């Protein structure tokens, strides 16, 4: 599994459902903040291939960024959804399970 942070900015048409559904479809995901998602996907994906896959679900004037995140990267949150914090603990924690 590879883990990524995906963030996007939709400009004119703002069809959030399309991009959200696409992120959920690629793997285990959680919404960290508005327009910021965490995604655990198969090892076949890279930042570029994930960005290209998700680009099909946004308009040409929209923006998207995909950044790799990994175990031990560390994190701190405040008032984030419980599901997102659970995702962070599941995929980024250095603790042995």
PDB file of N, CA and C in Angstrom:
ATOM      1  N   UNK A   1       0.835  -1.194   0.000  1.00  0.00           N
ATOM      2  CA  UNK A   1       0.000   0.000   0.000  1.00  0.00           C
ATOM      3  C   UNK A   1       0.872   1.246   0.000  1.00  0.00           C
ATOM      4  N   UNK A   2       0.445   2.224  -0.764  1.00  0.00           N
ATOM      5  CA  UNK A   2       1.063   3.548  -0.748  1.00  0.00           C
ATOM      6  C   UNK A   2       0.030   4.531  -0.212  1.00  0.00           C
ATOM      7  N   UNK A   3       0.516   5.553   0.462  1.00  0.00           N
ATOM      8  CA  UNK A   3      -0.395   6.529   1.061  1.00  0.00           C
ATOM      9  C   UNK A   3      -0.101   7.922   0.527  1.00  0.00           C
ATOM     10  N   UNK A   4      -1.196   8.652   0.268  1.00  0.00           N
ATOM     11  CA  UNK A   4      -1.087   9.981  -0.324  1.00  0.00           C
ATOM     12  C   UNK A   4      -2.049  10.961   0.330  1.00  0.00           C
ATOM     13  N   UNK A   5      -1.668  12.218   0.286  1.00  0.00           N
ATOM     14  CA  UNK A   5      -2.569  13.312   0.614  1.00  0.00           C
ATOM     15  C   UNK A   5      -3.011  13.902  -0.722  1.00  0.00           C
ATOM     16  N   UNK A   6      -4.304  14.043  -0.903  1.00  0.00           N
ATOM     17  CA  UNK A   6      -4.870  14.594  -2.137  1.00  0.00           C
ATOM     18  C   UNK A   6      -5.643  15.853  -1.771  1.00  0.00           C
ATOM     19  N   UNK A   7      -5.326  16.943  -2.435  1.00  0.00           N
ATOM     20  CA  UNK A   7      -6.057  18.182  -2.204  1.00  0.00           C
ATOM     21  C   UNK A   7      -6.422  18.802  -3.547  1.00  0.00           C
ATOM     22  N   UNK A   8      -7.547  19.464  -3.578  1.00  0.00           N
ATOM     23  CA  UNK A   8      -8.025  20.019  -4.838  1.00  0.00           C
ATOM     24  C   UNK A   8      -8.764  21.327  -4.584  1.00  0.00           C
ATOM     25  N   UNK A   9      -8.851  22.117  -5.643  1.00  0.00           N
ATOM     26  CA  UNK A   9      -9.588  23.378  -5.608  1.00  0.00           C
ATOM     27  C   UNK A   9     -10.438  23.422  -6.875  1.00  0.00           C
ATOM     28  N   UNK A  10     -11.733  23.308  -6.708  1.00  0.00           N
ATOM     29  CA  UNK A  10     -12.646  23.347  -7.852  1.00  0.00           C
ATOM     30  C   UNK A  10     -13.092  24.789  -8.061  1.00  0.00           C
ATOM     31  N   UNK A  11     -13.049  25.245  -9.296  1.00  0.00           N
ATOM     32  CA  UNK A  11     -13.278  26.660  -9.568  1.00  0.00           C
ATOM     33  C   UNK A  11     -14.692  26.986 -10.031  1.00  0.00           C
ATOM     34  N   UNK A  12     -15.023  26.738 -11.254  1.00  0.00           N
ATOM     35  CA  UNK A  12     -16.310  27.210 -11.779  1.00  0.00           C
ATOM     36  C   UNK A  12     -17.477  26.270 -11.514  1.00  0.00           C
ATOM     37  N   UNK A  13     -17.404  25.058 -12.027  1.00  0.00           N
ATOM     38  CA  UNK A  13     -18.558  24.156 -11.948  1.00  0.00           C
ATOM     39  C   UNK A  13     -18.712  23.508 -10.577  1.00  0.00           C
ATOM     40  N   UNK A  14     -17.651  23.229  -9.899  1.00  0.00           N
ATOM     41  CA  UNK A  14     -17.639  22.714  -8.522  1.00  0.00           C
ATOM     42  C   UNK A  14     -18.473  21.453  -8.312  1.00  0.00           C
ATOM     43  N   UNK A  15     -18.167  20.440  -9.080  1.00  0.00           N
ATOM     44  CA  UNK A  15     -18.851  19.155  -8.941  1.00  0.00           C
ATOM     45  C   UNK A  15     -18.071  18.289  -7.951  1.00  0.00           C
ATOM     46  N   UNK A  16     -18.261  18.565  -6.666  1.00  0.00           N
ATOM     47  CA  UNK A  16     -17.509  17.876  -5.613  1.00  0.00           C
ATOM     48  C   UNK A  16     -17.796  16.378  -5.565  1.00  0.00           C
ATOM     49  N   UNK A  17     -19.008  15.977  -5.832  1.00  0.00           N
ATOM     50  CA  UNK A  17     -19.362  14.557  -5.747  1.00  0.00           C
ATOM     51  C   UNK A  17     -18.505  13.699  -6.668  1.00  0.00           C
ATOM     52  N   UNK A  18     -18.214  14.184  -7.861  1.00  0.00           N
ATOM     53  CA  UNK A  18     -17.417  13.404  -8.823  1.00  0.00           C
ATOM     54  C   UNK A  18     -16.020  13.122  -8.294  1.00  0.00           C
ATOM     55  N   UNK A  19     -15.333  14.156  -7.817  1.00  0.00           N
ATOM     56  CA  UNK A  19     -13.959  13.961  -7.353  1.00  0.00           C
ATOM     57  C   UNK A  19     -13.936  13.161  -6.048  1.00  0.00           C
ATOM     58  N   UNK A  20     -14.884  13.409  -5.166  1.00  0.00           N
ATOM     59  CA  UNK A  20     -14.943  12.659  -3.903  1.00  0.00           C
ATOM     60  C   UNK A  20     -15.184  11.177  -4.176  1.00  0.00           C
ATOM     61  N   UNK A  21     -16.119  10.869  -5.050  1.00  0.00           N
ATOM     62  CA  UNK A  21     -16.384   9.468  -5.402  1.00  0.00           C
ATOM     63  C   UNK A  21     -15.153   8.808  -6.021  1.00  0.00           C
ATOM     64  N   UNK A  22     -14.428   9.551  -6.849  1.00  0.00           N
ATOM     65  CA  UNK A  22     -13.229   9.007  -7.487  1.00  0.00           C
ATOM     66  C   UNK A  22     -12.147   8.708  -6.455  1.00  0.00           C
ATOM     67  N   UNK A  23     -11.980   9.584  -5.482  1.00  0.00           N
ATOM     68  CA  UNK A  23     -10.989   9.348  -4.425  1.00  0.00           C
ATOM     69  C   UNK A  23     -11.377   8.117  -3.611  1.00  0.00           C
ATOM     70  N   UNK A  24     -12.639   8.017  -3.264  1.00  0.00           N
ATOM     71  CA  UNK A  24     -13.106   6.862  -2.490  1.00  0.00           C
ATOM     72  C   UNK A  24     -12.922   5.560  -3.265  1.00  0.00           C
ATOM     73  N   UNK A  25     -13.037   5.633  -4.576  1.00  0.00           N
ATOM     74  CA  UNK A  25     -12.954   4.445  -5.427  1.00  0.00           C
ATOM     75  C   UNK A  25     -11.534   3.883  -5.532  1.00  0.00           C
ATOM     76  N   UNK A  26     -10.516   4.731  -5.409  1.00  0.00           N
ATOM     77  CA  UNK A  26      -9.144   4.256  -5.623  1.00  0.00           C
ATOM     78  C   UNK A  26      -8.578   3.469  -4.448  1.00  0.00           C
ATOM     79  N   UNK A  27      -9.167   3.606  -3.272  1.00  0.00           N
ATOM     80  CA  UNK A  27      -8.654   2.864  -2.124  1.00  0.00           C
ATOM     81  C   UNK A  27      -9.296   3.311  -0.831  1.00  0.00           C
ATOM     82  N   UNK A  28      -8.654   2.954   0.276  1.00  0.00           N
ATOM     83  CA  UNK A  28      -9.141   3.338   1.596  1.00  0.00           C
ATOM     84  C   UNK A  28      -8.866   4.829   1.780  1.00  0.00           C
ATOM     85  N   UNK A  29      -9.911   5.616   1.984  1.00  0.00           N
ATOM     86  CA  UNK A  29      -9.731   7.062   2.033  1.00  0.00           C
ATOM     87  C   UNK A  29     -10.506   7.679   3.185  1.00  0.00           C
ATOM     88  N   UNK A  30     -10.103   8.908   3.522  1.00  0.00           N
ATOM     89  CA  UNK A  30     -10.782   9.660   4.575  1.00  0.00           C
ATOM     90  C   UNK A  30     -10.609  11.143   4.293  1.00  0.00           C
ATOM     91  N   UNK A  31     -11.665  11.904   4.556  1.00  0.00           N
ATOM     92  CA  UNK A  31     -11.596  13.355   4.374  1.00  0.00           C
ATOM     93  C   UNK A  31     -10.988  13.977   5.627  1.00  0.00           C
ATOM     94  N   UNK A  32      -9.831  14.620   5.461  1.00  0.00           N
ATOM     95  CA  UNK A  32      -9.140  15.257   6.578  1.00  0.00           C
ATOM     96  C   UNK A  32      -9.684  16.660   6.838  1.00  0.00           C
ATOM     97  N   UNK A  33      -9.813  17.437   5.784  1.00  0.00           N
ATOM     98  CA  UNK A  33     -10.356  18.793   5.819  1.00  0.00           C
ATOM     99  C   UNK A  33     -11.154  19.000   4.540  1.00  0.00           C
ATOM    100  N   UNK A  34     -11.840  20.103   4.443  1.00  0.00           N
ATOM    101  CA  UNK A  34     -12.583  20.380   3.220  1.00  0.00           C
ATOM    102  C   UNK A  34     -11.612  20.396   2.040  1.00  0.00           C
ATOM    103  N   UNK A  35     -11.878  19.579   1.058  1.00  0.00           N
ATOM    104  CA  UNK A  35     -11.054  19.443  -0.152  1.00  0.00           C
ATOM    105  C   UNK A  35      -9.666  18.863   0.110  1.00  0.00           C
ATOM    106  N   UNK A  36      -9.487  18.188   1.236  1.00  0.00           N
ATOM    107  CA  UNK A  36      -8.219  17.517   1.555  1.00  0.00           C
ATOM    108  C   UNK A  36      -8.537  16.089   1.984  1.00  0.00           C
ATOM    109  N   UNK A  37      -7.989  15.126   1.243  1.00  0.00           N
ATOM    110  CA  UNK A  37      -8.280  13.719   1.499  1.00  0.00           C
ATOM    111  C   UNK A  37      -6.995  12.933   1.713  1.00  0.00           C
ATOM    112  N   UNK A  38      -7.127  11.850   2.432  1.00  0.00           N
ATOM    113  CA  UNK A  38      -6.065  10.879   2.627  1.00  0.00           C
ATOM    114  C   UNK A  38      -6.465   9.627   1.864  1.00  0.00           C
ATOM    115  N   UNK A  39      -5.514   9.015   1.170  1.00  0.00           N
ATOM    116  CA  UNK A  39      -5.844   7.826   0.383  1.00  0.00           C
ATOM    117  C   UNK A  39      -4.736   6.785   0.498  1.00  0.00           C
ATOM    118  N   UNK A  40      -5.129   5.565   0.812  1.00  0.00           N
ATOM    119  CA  UNK A  40      -4.223   4.417   0.793  1.00  0.00           C
ATOM    120  C   UNK A  40      -4.599   3.594  -0.433  1.00  0.00           C
ATOM    121  N   UNK A  41      -3.650   3.451  -1.339  1.00  0.00           N
ATOM    122  CA  UNK A  41      -3.934   2.826  -2.632  1.00  0.00           C
ATOM    123  C   UNK A  41      -2.936   1.702  -2.903  1.00  0.00           C
ATOM    124  N   UNK A  42      -3.184   0.941  -3.952  1.00  0.00           N
ATOM    125  CA  UNK A  42      -2.282  -0.156  -4.307  1.00  0.00           C
ATOM    126  C   UNK A  42      -0.910   0.388  -4.695  1.00  0.00           C
ATOM    127  N   UNK A  43       0.078  -0.479  -4.616  1.00  0.00           N
ATOM    128  CA  UNK A  43       1.445  -0.083  -4.944  1.00  0.00           C
ATOM    129  C   UNK A  43       1.616   0.316  -6.405  1.00  0.00           C
ATOM    130  N   UNK A  44       0.626   0.041  -7.239  1.00  0.00           N
ATOM    131  CA  UNK A  44       0.705   0.404  -8.656  1.00  0.00           C
ATOM    132  C   UNK A  44       0.674   1.914  -8.865  1.00  0.00           C
ATOM    133  N   UNK A  45       0.174   2.653  -7.897  1.00  0.00           N
ATOM    134  CA  UNK A  45       0.022   4.099  -8.047  1.00  0.00           C
ATOM    135  C   UNK A  45       1.281   4.849  -7.628  1.00  0.00           C
ATOM    136  N   UNK A  46       1.545   5.938  -8.344  1.00  0.00           N
ATOM    137  CA  UNK A  46       2.542   6.931  -7.950  1.00  0.00           C
ATOM    138  C   UNK A  46       1.787   8.252  -7.829  1.00  0.00           C
ATOM    139  N   UNK A  47       2.468   9.296  -7.412  1.00  0.00           N
ATOM    140  CA  UNK A  47       1.812  10.612  -7.368  1.00  0.00           C
ATOM    141  C   UNK A  47       1.247  10.971  -8.737  1.00  0.00           C
ATOM    142  N   UNK A  48       2.036  10.727  -9.760  1.00  0.00           N
ATOM    143  CA  UNK A  48       1.629  11.095 -11.116  1.00  0.00           C
ATOM    144  C   UNK A  48       0.440  10.261 -11.582  1.00  0.00           C
ATOM    145  N   UNK A  49       0.486   8.944 -11.390  1.00  0.00           N
ATOM    146  CA  UNK A  49      -0.622   8.115 -11.878  1.00  0.00           C
ATOM    147  C   UNK A  49      -1.908   8.377 -11.102  1.00  0.00           C
ATOM    148  N   UNK A  50      -1.795   8.644  -9.804  1.00  0.00           N
ATOM    149  CA  UNK A  50      -2.993   8.973  -9.034  1.00  0.00           C
ATOM    150  C   UNK A  50      -3.557  10.316  -9.474  1.00  0.00           C
ATOM    151  N   UNK A  51      -2.697  11.290  -9.686  1.00  0.00           N
ATOM    152  CA  UNK A  51      -3.148  12.605 -10.169  1.00  0.00           C
ATOM    153  C   UNK A  51      -3.826  12.472 -11.526  1.00  0.00           C
ATOM    154  N   UNK A  52      -3.231  11.696 -12.426  1.00  0.00           N
ATOM    155  CA  UNK A  52      -3.827  11.510 -13.752  1.00  0.00           C
ATOM    156  C   UNK A  52      -5.182  10.823 -13.653  1.00  0.00           C
ATOM    157  N   UNK A  53      -5.296   9.836 -12.791  1.00  0.00           N
ATOM    158  CA  UNK A  53      -6.573   9.135 -12.611  1.00  0.00           C
ATOM    159  C   UNK A  53      -7.647  10.092 -12.106  1.00  0.00           C
ATOM    160  N   UNK A  54      -7.316  10.918 -11.126  1.00  0.00           N
ATOM    161  CA  UNK A  54      -8.292  11.830 -10.535  1.00  0.00           C
ATOM    162  C   UNK A  54      -8.594  13.031 -11.428  1.00  0.00           C
ATOM    163  N   UNK A  55      -7.655  13.389 -12.288  1.00  0.00           N
ATOM    164  CA  UNK A  55      -7.863  14.517 -13.202  1.00  0.00           C
ATOM    165  C   UNK A  55      -9.056  14.284 -14.124  1.00  0.00           C
ATOM    166  N   UNK A  56      -9.374  13.027 -14.381  1.00  0.00           N
ATOM    167  CA  UNK A  56     -10.536  12.711 -15.212  1.00  0.00           C
ATOM    168  C   UNK A  56     -11.846  13.172 -14.572  1.00  0.00           C
ATOM    169  N   UNK A  57     -11.824  13.470 -13.284  1.00  0.00           N
ATOM    170  CA  UNK A  57     -13.050  13.809 -12.548  1.00  0.00           C
ATOM    171  C   UNK A  57     -13.133  15.276 -12.138  1.00  0.00           C
ATOM    172  N   UNK A  58     -12.237  16.089 -12.672  1.00  0.00           N
ATOM    173  CA  UNK A  58     -12.297  17.532 -12.422  1.00  0.00           C
ATOM    174  C   UNK A  58     -12.276  18.259 -13.759  1.00  0.00           C
ATOM    175  N   UNK A  59     -12.629  19.532 -13.732  1.00  0.00           N
ATOM    176  CA  UNK A  59     -12.635  20.337 -14.951  1.00  0.00           C
ATOM    177  C   UNK A  59     -11.237  20.862 -15.263  1.00  0.00           C
ATOM    178  N   UNK A  60     -11.040  21.320 -16.488  1.00  0.00           N
ATOM    179  CA  UNK A  60      -9.718  21.763 -16.931  1.00  0.00           C
ATOM    180  C   UNK A  60      -9.209  22.993 -16.175  1.00  0.00           C
ATOM    181  N   UNK A  61     -10.096  23.767 -15.567  1.00  0.00           N
ATOM    182  CA  UNK A  61      -9.655  24.951 -14.819  1.00  0.00           C
ATOM    183  C   UNK A  61      -9.469  24.669 -13.323  1.00  0.00           C
ATOM    184  N   UNK A  62      -9.729  23.442 -12.886  1.00  0.00           N
ATOM    185  CA  UNK A  62      -9.580  23.074 -11.479  1.00  0.00           C
ATOM    186  C   UNK A  62      -8.122  22.727 -11.170  1.00  0.00           C
ATOM    187  N   UNK A  63      -7.793  22.715  -9.888  1.00  0.00           N
ATOM    188  CA  UNK A  63      -6.435  22.402  -9.441  1.00  0.00           C
ATOM    189  C   UNK A  63      -6.453  21.146  -8.579  1.00  0.00           C
ATOM    190  N   UNK A  64      -5.361  20.382  -8.656  1.00  0.00           N
ATOM    191  CA  UNK A  64      -5.229  19.187  -7.819  1.00  0.00           C
ATOM    192  C   UNK A  64      -3.757  18.984  -7.485  1.00  0.00           C
ATOM    193  N   UNK A  65      -3.497  18.509  -6.275  1.00  0.00           N
ATOM    194  CA  UNK A  65      -2.134  18.168  -5.861  1.00  0.00           C
ATOM    195  C   UNK A  65      -2.183  16.825  -5.136  1.00  0.00           C
ATOM    196  N   UNK A  66      -1.207  15.978  -5.424  1.00  0.00           N
ATOM    197  CA  UNK A  66      -1.093  14.666  -4.788  1.00  0.00           C
ATOM    198  C   UNK A  66       0.311  14.574  -4.196  1.00  0.00           C
ATOM    199  N   UNK A  67       0.376  14.329  -2.892  1.00  0.00           N
ATOM    200  CA  UNK A  67       1.661  14.268  -2.202  1.00  0.00           C
ATOM    201  C   UNK A  67       1.793  12.940  -1.464  1.00  0.00           C
ATOM    202  N   UNK A  68       2.968  12.296  -1.547  1.00  0.00           N
ATOM    203  CA  UNK A  68       3.148  11.049  -0.816  1.00  0.00           C
ATOM    204  C   UNK A  68       3.297  11.330   0.677  1.00  0.00           C
ATOM    205  N   UNK A  69       2.745  10.455   1.489  1.00  0.00           N
ATOM    206  CA  UNK A  69       2.956  10.499   2.934  1.00  0.00           C
ATOM    207  C   UNK A  69       3.302   9.086   3.370  1.00  0.00           C
ATOM    208  N   UNK A  70       4.073   8.949   4.433  1.00  0.00           N
ATOM    209  CA  UNK A  70       4.516   7.606   4.790  1.00  0.00           C
ATOM    210  C   UNK A  70       4.587   7.398   6.294  1.00  0.00           C
ATOM    211  N   UNK A  71       4.730   6.144   6.669  1.00  0.00           N
ATOM    212  CA  UNK A  71       4.845   5.761   8.075  1.00  0.00           C
ATOM    213  C   UNK A  71       5.984   6.552   8.708  1.00  0.00           C
ATOM    214  N   UNK A  72       5.722   7.075   9.870  1.00  0.00           N
ATOM    215  CA  UNK A  72       6.734   7.828  10.590  1.00  0.00           C
ATOM    216  C   UNK A  72       6.797   9.298  10.221  1.00  0.00           C
ATOM    217  N   UNK A  73       5.954   9.719   9.281  1.00  0.00           N
ATOM    218  CA  UNK A  73       5.965  11.125   8.872  1.00  0.00           C
ATOM    219  C   UNK A  73       5.539  12.035  10.014  1.00  0.00           C
ATOM    220  N   UNK A  74       4.779  11.500  10.938  1.00  0.00           N
ATOM    221  CA  UNK A  74       4.280  12.292  12.058  1.00  0.00           C
ATOM    222  C   UNK A  74       3.086  13.123  11.632  1.00  0.00           C
ATOM    223  N   UNK A  75       2.245  13.433  12.591  1.00  0.00           N
ATOM    224  CA  UNK A  75       1.094  14.276  12.297  1.00  0.00           C
ATOM    225  C   UNK A  75       0.548  14.851  13.590  1.00  0.00           C
ATOM    226  N   UNK A  76      -0.148  15.959  13.464  1.00  0.00           N
ATOM    227  CA  UNK A  76      -0.849  16.585  14.583  1.00  0.00           C
ATOM    228  C   UNK A  76      -2.138  17.156  14.022  1.00  0.00           C
ATOM    229  N   UNK A  77      -3.228  16.985  14.729  1.00  0.00           N
ATOM    230  CA  UNK A  77      -4.525  17.463  14.250  1.00  0.00           C
ATOM    231  C   UNK A  77      -5.279  18.157  15.373  1.00  0.00           C
ATOM    232  N   UNK A  78      -6.231  18.962  14.968  1.00  0.00           N
ATOM    233  CA  UNK A  78      -7.161  19.572  15.920  1.00  0.00           C
ATOM    234  C   UNK A  78      -8.522  19.650  15.245  1.00  0.00           C
ATOM    235  N   UNK A  79      -9.526  19.131  15.900  1.00  0.00           N
ATOM    236  CA  UNK A  79     -10.907  19.182  15.417  1.00  0.00           C
ATOM    237  C   UNK A  79     -11.095  18.545  14.040  1.00  0.00           C
ATOM    238  N   UNK A  80     -10.308  17.547  13.735  1.00  0.00           N
ATOM    239  CA  UNK A  80     -10.469  16.822  12.473  1.00  0.00           C
ATOM    240  C   UNK A  80     -11.425  15.657  12.696  1.00  0.00           C
ATOM    241  N   UNK A  81     -12.057  15.194  11.627  1.00  0.00           N
ATOM    242  CA  UNK A  81     -12.995  14.073  11.756  1.00  0.00           C
ATOM    243  C   UNK A  81     -12.324  12.837  12.361  1.00  0.00           C
ATOM    244  N   UNK A  82     -13.065  12.140  13.202  1.00  0.00           N
ATOM    245  CA  UNK A  82     -12.540  10.931  13.853  1.00  0.00           C
ATOM    246  C   UNK A  82     -12.081   9.903  12.833  1.00  0.00           C
ATOM    247  N   UNK A  83     -12.801   9.797  11.722  1.00  0.00           N
ATOM    248  CA  UNK A  83     -12.442   8.829  10.681  1.00  0.00           C
ATOM    249  C   UNK A  83     -11.069   9.151  10.088  1.00  0.00           C
ATOM    250  N   UNK A  84     -10.782  10.434   9.913  1.00  0.00           N
ATOM    251  CA  UNK A  84      -9.491  10.841   9.352  1.00  0.00           C
ATOM    252  C   UNK A  84      -8.361  10.574  10.343  1.00  0.00           C
ATOM    253  N   UNK A  85      -8.594  10.856  11.610  1.00  0.00           N
ATOM    254  CA  UNK A  85      -7.578  10.593  12.631  1.00  0.00           C
ATOM    255  C   UNK A  85      -7.325   9.086  12.736  1.00  0.00           C
ATOM    256  N   UNK A  86      -8.373   8.290  12.644  1.00  0.00           N
ATOM    257  CA  UNK A  86      -8.211   6.833  12.650  1.00  0.00           C
ATOM    258  C   UNK A  86      -7.390   6.386  11.444  1.00  0.00           C
ATOM    259  N   UNK A  87      -7.649   6.981  10.271  1.00  0.00           N
ATOM    260  CA  UNK A  87      -6.880   6.665   9.062  1.00  0.00           C
ATOM    261  C   UNK A  87      -5.414   6.992   9.302  1.00  0.00           C
ATOM    262  N   UNK A  88      -5.118   8.164   9.835  1.00  0.00           N
ATOM    263  CA  UNK A  88      -3.736   8.567  10.106  1.00  0.00           C
ATOM    264  C   UNK A  88      -3.055   7.583  11.052  1.00  0.00           C
ATOM    265  N   UNK A  89      -3.751   7.194  12.100  1.00  0.00           N
ATOM    266  CA  UNK A  89      -3.185   6.227  13.042  1.00  0.00           C
ATOM    267  C   UNK A  89      -2.961   4.870  12.383  1.00  0.00           C
ATOM    268  N   UNK A  90      -3.877   4.463  11.542  1.00  0.00           N
ATOM    269  CA  UNK A  90      -3.774   3.165  10.869  1.00  0.00           C
ATOM    270  C   UNK A  90      -2.589   3.112   9.905  1.00  0.00           C
ATOM    271  N   UNK A  91      -2.408   4.161   9.108  1.00  0.00           N
ATOM    272  CA  UNK A  91      -1.420   4.119   8.036  1.00  0.00           C
ATOM    273  C   UNK A  91      -0.103   4.830   8.334  1.00  0.00           C
ATOM    274  N   UNK A  92      -0.077   5.769   9.267  1.00  0.00           N
ATOM    275  CA  UNK A  92       1.150   6.533   9.497  1.00  0.00           C
ATOM    276  C   UNK A  92       1.826   6.257  10.828  1.00  0.00           C
ATOM    277  N   UNK A  93       1.134   5.598  11.732  1.00  0.00           N
ATOM    278  CA  UNK A  93       1.697   5.329  13.053  1.00  0.00           C
ATOM    279  C   UNK A  93       2.880   4.376  12.943  1.00  0.00           C
ATOM    280  N   UNK A  94       3.900   4.631  13.753  1.00  0.00           N
ATOM    281  CA  UNK A  94       5.062   3.741  13.771  1.00  0.00           C
ATOM    282  C   UNK A  94       4.890   2.613  14.779  1.00  0.00           C
ATOM    283  N   UNK A  95       3.813   2.651  15.554  1.00  0.00           N
ATOM    284  CA  UNK A  95       3.570   1.609  16.559  1.00  0.00           C
ATOM    285  C   UNK A  95       3.296   0.275  15.875  1.00  0.00           C
ATOM    286  N   UNK A  96       3.832  -0.776  16.427  1.00  0.00           N
ATOM    287  CA  UNK A  96       3.574  -2.125  15.904  1.00  0.00           C
ATOM    288  C   UNK A  96       2.150  -2.529  16.235  1.00  0.00           C
ATOM    289  N   UNK A  97       1.498  -3.175  15.310  1.00  0.00           N
ATOM    290  CA  UNK A  97       0.118  -3.597  15.522  1.00  0.00           C
ATOM    291  C   UNK A  97       0.072  -5.052  15.904  1.00  0.00           C
TER     292      UNK A  97
END
